[in-house]
């Protein structure tokens, strides 16, 4: 049996939690069609450090939307 292509939800979640600083305060992570929405308490922190979001998007191969 072949492994499905792409990362599982758990792998994606783990990657996000490892890369994003704790002070951002992630409240939830949801798939929204082809995008991944990351809900945070402090989205401005991720906007200031946009390289983090870009790095995650490259790893998981999905577009990311940051919301509060």
C-alpha atoms as a PDB file:
ATOM      1  CA  UNK A   1       0.000   0.000   0.000  1.00  0.00           C
ATOM      2  CA  UNK A   2       1.374   3.395  -0.987  1.00  0.00           C
ATOM      3  CA  UNK A   3       1.502   6.333   1.364  1.00  0.00           C
ATOM      4  CA  UNK A   4      -0.847   9.128   0.262  1.00  0.00           C
ATOM      5  CA  UNK A   5       0.877  12.178  -1.146  1.00  0.00           C
ATOM      6  CA  UNK A   6       1.115  15.292   0.949  1.00  0.00           C
ATOM      7  CA  UNK A   7       1.228  15.798   4.665  1.00  0.00           C
ATOM      8  CA  UNK A   8      -1.412  14.658   7.119  1.00  0.00           C
ATOM      9  CA  UNK A   9      -3.319  17.159   9.242  1.00  0.00           C
ATOM     10  CA  UNK A  10      -1.234  16.160  12.262  1.00  0.00           C
ATOM     11  CA  UNK A  11       2.023  16.757  10.374  1.00  0.00           C
ATOM     12  CA  UNK A  12       0.806  20.142   9.144  1.00  0.00           C
ATOM     13  CA  UNK A  13      -0.339  21.137  12.627  1.00  0.00           C
ATOM     14  CA  UNK A  14       2.975  20.055  14.142  1.00  0.00           C
ATOM     15  CA  UNK A  15       4.926  22.057  11.551  1.00  0.00           C
ATOM     16  CA  UNK A  16       2.852  25.172  12.214  1.00  0.00           C
ATOM     17  CA  UNK A  17       3.166  24.904  15.979  1.00  0.00           C
ATOM     18  CA  UNK A  18       6.936  24.391  15.720  1.00  0.00           C
ATOM     19  CA  UNK A  19       7.524  27.369  13.425  1.00  0.00           C
ATOM     20  CA  UNK A  20       5.158  30.001  14.813  1.00  0.00           C
ATOM     21  CA  UNK A  21       6.180  31.754  18.050  1.00  0.00           C
ATOM     22  CA  UNK A  22       4.015  30.981  21.084  1.00  0.00           C
ATOM     23  CA  UNK A  23       3.213  34.668  21.686  1.00  0.00           C
ATOM     24  CA  UNK A  24       1.101  34.704  18.508  1.00  0.00           C
ATOM     25  CA  UNK A  25      -1.521  32.626  20.322  1.00  0.00           C
ATOM     26  CA  UNK A  26      -2.844  30.180  17.739  1.00  0.00           C
ATOM     27  CA  UNK A  27      -6.493  29.466  18.471  1.00  0.00           C
ATOM     28  CA  UNK A  28      -7.299  27.086  15.612  1.00  0.00           C
ATOM     29  CA  UNK A  29      -6.116  25.745  12.271  1.00  0.00           C
ATOM     30  CA  UNK A  30      -8.660  24.940   9.551  1.00  0.00           C
ATOM     31  CA  UNK A  31      -8.669  23.877   5.928  1.00  0.00           C
ATOM     32  CA  UNK A  32     -10.683  26.242   3.749  1.00  0.00           C
ATOM     33  CA  UNK A  33     -10.701  24.678   0.315  1.00  0.00           C
ATOM     34  CA  UNK A  34      -7.170  24.876  -1.110  1.00  0.00           C
ATOM     35  CA  UNK A  35      -6.049  27.228   1.676  1.00  0.00           C
ATOM     36  CA  UNK A  36      -5.136  26.735   5.276  1.00  0.00           C
ATOM     37  CA  UNK A  37      -6.470  29.302   7.748  1.00  0.00           C
ATOM     38  CA  UNK A  38      -4.505  29.977  10.908  1.00  0.00           C
ATOM     39  CA  UNK A  39      -6.529  31.828  13.525  1.00  0.00           C
ATOM     40  CA  UNK A  40      -4.461  33.758  16.044  1.00  0.00           C
ATOM     41  CA  UNK A  41      -4.913  36.171  18.907  1.00  0.00           C
ATOM     42  CA  UNK A  42      -2.145  38.438  17.567  1.00  0.00           C
ATOM     43  CA  UNK A  43      -2.074  38.294  13.753  1.00  0.00           C
ATOM     44  CA  UNK A  44       0.015  41.475  13.588  1.00  0.00           C
ATOM     45  CA  UNK A  45       2.985  39.523  14.934  1.00  0.00           C
ATOM     46  CA  UNK A  46       2.829  37.133  11.987  1.00  0.00           C
ATOM     47  CA  UNK A  47       2.407  40.003   9.558  1.00  0.00           C
ATOM     48  CA  UNK A  48       5.587  41.593  10.915  1.00  0.00           C
ATOM     49  CA  UNK A  49       7.398  38.253  10.587  1.00  0.00           C
ATOM     50  CA  UNK A  50       5.936  37.233   7.229  1.00  0.00           C
ATOM     51  CA  UNK A  51       8.934  35.045   6.414  1.00  0.00           C
ATOM     52  CA  UNK A  52       7.587  32.508   8.920  1.00  0.00           C
ATOM     53  CA  UNK A  53       4.310  32.141   7.035  1.00  0.00           C
ATOM     54  CA  UNK A  54       6.174  31.863   3.735  1.00  0.00           C
ATOM     55  CA  UNK A  55       8.418  29.154   5.132  1.00  0.00           C
ATOM     56  CA  UNK A  56       5.446  27.147   6.406  1.00  0.00           C
ATOM     57  CA  UNK A  57       3.628  27.524   3.082  1.00  0.00           C
ATOM     58  CA  UNK A  58       6.674  26.155   1.294  1.00  0.00           C
ATOM     59  CA  UNK A  59       6.884  23.153   3.593  1.00  0.00           C
ATOM     60  CA  UNK A  60       3.212  22.178   3.529  1.00  0.00           C
ATOM     61  CA  UNK A  61       2.593  23.253  -0.090  1.00  0.00           C
ATOM     62  CA  UNK A  62      -0.569  25.205   0.705  1.00  0.00           C
ATOM     63  CA  UNK A  63      -1.571  28.834   0.686  1.00  0.00           C
ATOM     64  CA  UNK A  64      -2.002  30.253   4.151  1.00  0.00           C
ATOM     65  CA  UNK A  65      -4.442  32.854   5.426  1.00  0.00           C
ATOM     66  CA  UNK A  66      -3.882  34.432   8.841  1.00  0.00           C
ATOM     67  CA  UNK A  67      -7.002  35.523  10.702  1.00  0.00           C
ATOM     68  CA  UNK A  68      -7.923  36.711  14.161  1.00  0.00           C
END
